[in-house]
Amino acid sequence: SLSEEVRNDLSINADSFLIGHVGRYDPQKDLSNLIDAFAFLNQKKLYFDAVIVGANLDNNNGDLVSKLNKNGLSKHVHLLGRRDDITAIMNGIDLFVLSSKSEAFPNVLNEAMLCGTPCITTNVGDARVIVGDTGWVVTTKNPQVHAKTIFQAAKEKQSNNNSWLQREAACRQRVVENFSLNEMVKKYKEVWSCADK
C-alpha cells in the first residue's frame, strides 16, 4: 500500500503514529508552533513520527534543522522538501496538521480529507467549515493545545480503531459532498440562478 511505501522509504516503524504537514516555508504557516507542539508530544512520550513537505522544508533549511535538533526531534521529524507524490504522502499519514496563523481557504485540508486523513487545524479562514466535525480545530499560536489534541487523536486511533475508521470515512465524505468540483459548480449555478430572478 501507499502508506507502507512512504514509511519504508523513511524507515518509519509501522506502529508509529505518523503526522504530516504540507505547505511552504512561510511565517504565516507558523512551523515554529508546530515544532513546539512536537516537542510537547515528545515529553508526553507519544510514539510518533512526522513528515514535513514543501518548498524549502528540507535539511538545507538551517533554522528548521536547528530548531528540531534543539528540541531533540531530528529522529522523529523528517523534512522532505518539495515532493510530487503528495497524494501518496496524504494516504500514508495518520493525521494531517495545519498550524497556520492565517489562511483564507486552506485547500490542503480538502486534499488530506479526500484521502480519508483526519485533520487538526488552527482556527483560520474557512478551516472550521472545511473540517466540520470530522477533525479538530484549535487556537492559533498555542503549541500545548495543539500537542494535547494530537495526543488525543493518536489515543483514539490506538484505542478505538473502529471510531477512527469512521472518522476517516467521514473526512472523505465531507469533501465529496461539500467541496468537490461538481458541488461547487452546482452551488455557483444556484447563486447565479438567484441573481437572474
Protein backbone atom coordinates (compact mmCIF):
# COMPACT_ATOMS: atom_id res chain seq x y z
CA SER A 1 0.00 0.00 0.00
CA LEU A 2 0.97 3.63 -0.41
CA SER A 3 1.26 4.14 3.33
CA GLU A 4 3.71 1.26 3.62
CA GLU A 5 5.78 2.69 0.76
CA VAL A 6 6.08 6.10 2.42
CA ARG A 7 7.00 4.51 5.76
CA ASN A 8 9.52 2.13 4.19
CA ASP A 9 11.22 4.93 2.25
CA LEU A 10 11.77 6.81 5.52
CA SER A 11 12.39 3.74 7.74
CA ILE A 12 9.37 4.64 9.88
CA ASN A 13 8.01 1.81 12.01
CA ALA A 14 4.52 0.56 11.08
CA ASP A 15 3.38 1.12 14.71
CA SER A 16 4.41 4.76 14.84
CA PHE A 17 1.64 7.38 14.70
CA LEU A 18 2.55 9.35 11.57
CA ILE A 19 1.72 13.07 11.43
CA GLY A 20 2.02 15.10 8.24
CA HIS A 21 2.24 18.73 7.24
CA VAL A 22 2.32 20.02 3.67
CA GLY A 23 2.94 23.68 2.92
CA ARG A 24 5.74 26.09 2.19
CA TYR A 25 8.30 27.80 4.39
CA ASP A 26 6.44 30.95 5.36
CA PRO A 27 5.94 32.75 8.70
CA GLN A 28 2.15 32.51 8.18
CA LYS A 29 2.39 28.70 8.34
CA ASP A 30 3.84 29.00 11.88
CA LEU A 31 6.03 25.90 11.70
CA SER A 32 7.69 27.08 14.88
CA ASN A 33 4.38 26.46 16.69
CA LEU A 34 4.18 23.00 15.11
CA ILE A 35 7.71 22.06 16.18
CA ASP A 36 6.96 23.28 19.72
CA ALA A 37 3.86 21.05 19.68
CA PHE A 38 6.02 18.11 18.59
CA ALA A 39 8.41 18.86 21.48
CA PHE A 40 5.48 18.64 23.93
CA LEU A 41 4.42 15.33 22.35
CA ASN A 42 7.94 14.02 22.81
CA GLN A 43 7.79 14.95 26.51
CA LYS A 44 4.44 13.13 26.77
CA LYS A 45 6.24 10.04 25.38
CA LEU A 46 3.95 9.67 22.37
CA TYR A 47 5.45 7.23 19.90
CA PHE A 48 5.21 9.33 16.73
CA ASP A 49 6.94 10.41 13.56
CA ALA A 50 6.20 13.41 11.39
CA VAL A 51 6.80 14.34 7.76
CA ILE A 52 7.00 17.99 6.73
CA VAL A 53 6.68 18.54 2.99
CA GLY A 54 7.01 21.63 0.81
CA ALA A 55 9.34 24.18 -0.78
CA ASN A 56 12.33 24.98 1.48
CA LEU A 57 11.16 22.47 4.09
CA ASP A 58 14.26 20.32 3.80
CA ASN A 59 17.58 19.71 5.53
CA ASN A 60 19.09 22.78 3.84
CA ASN A 61 16.82 24.95 5.99
CA GLY A 62 19.20 25.80 8.84
CA ASP A 63 16.51 27.42 11.03
CA LEU A 64 14.25 24.37 10.93
CA VAL A 65 17.06 21.87 11.37
CA SER A 66 18.49 23.69 14.39
CA LYS A 67 15.02 24.03 15.99
CA LEU A 68 14.45 20.29 15.53
CA ASN A 69 17.89 19.47 16.95
CA LYS A 70 17.40 21.82 19.91
CA ASN A 71 14.15 20.03 20.77
CA GLY A 72 15.60 16.54 20.29
CA LEU A 73 13.26 15.90 17.36
CA SER A 74 15.59 15.21 14.45
CA LYS A 75 14.99 11.44 14.63
CA HIS A 76 11.19 11.90 14.68
CA VAL A 77 10.61 14.72 12.20
CA HIS A 78 11.52 14.19 8.55
CA LEU A 79 11.96 17.28 6.34
CA LEU A 80 11.10 16.05 2.85
CA GLY A 81 11.19 19.29 0.86
CA ARG A 82 9.21 19.60 -2.35
CA ARG A 83 7.59 16.32 -3.47
CA ASP A 84 5.45 15.35 -6.43
CA ASP A 85 3.71 12.48 -4.65
CA ILE A 86 1.51 14.49 -2.28
CA THR A 87 -1.39 12.05 -2.67
CA ALA A 88 0.86 9.18 -1.56
CA ILE A 89 2.00 11.28 1.42
CA MET A 90 -1.60 12.16 2.36
CA ASN A 91 -2.57 8.49 2.09
CA GLY A 92 0.48 7.44 4.09
CA ILE A 93 -0.02 9.63 7.16
CA ASP A 94 -2.42 9.02 10.05
CA LEU A 95 -3.14 12.69 10.75
CA PHE A 96 -2.69 15.96 8.89
CA VAL A 97 -1.81 19.06 10.92
CA LEU A 98 -2.16 22.70 9.86
CA SER A 99 -0.53 25.19 12.23
CA SER A 100 -1.04 28.45 10.30
CA LYS A 101 -1.52 31.87 11.90
CA SER A 102 -3.67 32.93 8.95
CA GLU A 103 -5.20 31.38 5.82
CA ALA A 104 -8.14 32.10 3.52
CA PHE A 105 -9.42 28.74 2.24
CA PRO A 106 -6.77 26.16 3.19
CA ASN A 107 -7.35 23.73 0.32
CA VAL A 108 -4.65 21.41 1.70
CA LEU A 109 -7.24 20.28 4.30
CA ASN A 110 -9.52 19.17 1.44
CA GLU A 111 -6.61 17.27 -0.14
CA ALA A 112 -5.90 15.42 3.11
CA MET A 113 -9.56 14.69 3.84
CA LEU A 114 -10.19 13.43 0.30
CA CYS A 115 -7.55 10.79 1.09
CA GLY A 116 -9.51 9.91 4.24
CA THR A 117 -6.93 11.55 6.51
CA PRO A 118 -8.33 13.31 9.61
CA CYS A 119 -7.06 16.84 10.28
CA ILE A 120 -6.17 19.10 13.17
CA THR A 121 -6.16 22.72 12.11
CA THR A 122 -5.81 26.09 13.69
CA ASN A 123 -8.94 28.25 13.57
CA VAL A 124 -8.01 30.23 10.44
CA GLY A 125 -10.02 31.29 7.39
CA ASP A 126 -12.53 28.62 6.34
CA ALA A 127 -10.68 25.78 8.12
CA ARG A 128 -13.55 25.17 10.57
CA VAL A 129 -16.05 24.99 7.69
CA ILE A 130 -13.88 22.53 5.76
CA VAL A 131 -13.13 20.18 8.67
CA GLY A 132 -16.57 20.34 10.32
CA ASP A 133 -16.91 17.62 12.96
CA THR A 134 -14.56 15.19 11.17
CA GLY A 135 -11.45 16.62 12.83
CA TRP A 136 -10.29 19.15 15.40
CA VAL A 137 -9.95 22.94 15.37
CA VAL A 138 -7.51 24.56 17.82
CA THR A 139 -6.49 28.12 18.64
CA THR A 140 -3.54 29.63 16.78
CA LYS A 141 -0.12 30.05 18.39
CA ASN A 142 -0.85 27.54 21.15
CA PRO A 143 1.54 24.58 20.84
CA GLN A 144 0.37 23.00 24.13
CA VAL A 145 -3.24 22.78 22.93
CA HIS A 146 -2.03 21.56 19.54
CA ALA A 147 0.05 18.82 21.20
CA LYS A 148 -2.79 17.81 23.53
CA THR A 149 -5.15 17.47 20.56
CA ILE A 150 -2.65 15.43 18.52
CA PHE A 151 -2.17 13.19 21.57
CA GLN A 152 -5.95 12.77 21.85
CA ALA A 153 -6.17 11.84 18.13
CA ALA A 154 -3.35 9.30 18.47
CA LYS A 155 -5.01 7.73 21.51
CA GLU A 156 -8.33 7.48 19.65
CA LYS A 157 -6.68 5.66 16.77
CA GLN A 158 -4.80 3.31 19.09
CA SER A 159 -7.65 2.55 21.48
CA ASN A 160 -10.67 2.55 19.18
CA ASN A 161 -9.72 1.82 15.62
CA ASN A 162 -13.38 1.49 14.67
CA SER A 163 -14.21 5.09 15.56
CA TRP A 164 -11.01 6.15 13.76
CA LEU A 165 -12.10 4.29 10.59
CA GLN A 166 -15.49 6.04 10.79
CA ARG A 167 -13.69 9.38 11.15
CA GLU A 168 -11.57 8.63 8.06
CA ALA A 169 -14.69 7.79 6.03
CA ALA A 170 -16.45 10.96 7.28
CA CYS A 171 -13.49 13.11 6.14
CA ARG A 172 -13.70 11.83 2.59
CA GLN A 173 -17.49 12.03 2.50
CA ARG A 174 -17.50 15.64 3.76
CA VAL A 175 -15.18 16.83 0.98
CA VAL A 176 -17.04 14.92 -1.73
CA GLU A 177 -20.41 16.27 -0.54
CA ASN A 178 -19.36 19.86 0.09
CA PHE A 179 -16.19 20.81 -1.74
CA SER A 180 -15.88 18.66 -4.86
CA LEU A 181 -15.82 20.45 -8.20
CA ASN A 182 -19.33 19.22 -9.06
CA GLU A 183 -20.69 20.51 -5.75
CA MET A 184 -19.02 23.89 -6.20
CA VAL A 185 -20.35 24.24 -9.75
CA LYS A 186 -23.83 23.30 -8.52
CA LYS A 187 -23.63 25.94 -5.76
CA TYR A 188 -22.42 28.61 -8.20
CA LYS A 189 -25.32 27.78 -10.54
CA GLU A 190 -27.77 28.16 -7.64
CA VAL A 191 -26.29 31.58 -6.84
CA TRP A 192 -26.39 32.65 -10.50
CA SER A 193 -29.96 31.46 -10.99
CA CYS A 194 -30.98 33.56 -7.95
CA ALA A 195 -29.23 36.57 -9.48
CA ASP A 196 -31.21 36.16 -12.71
CA LYS A 197 -34.57 36.48 -10.99
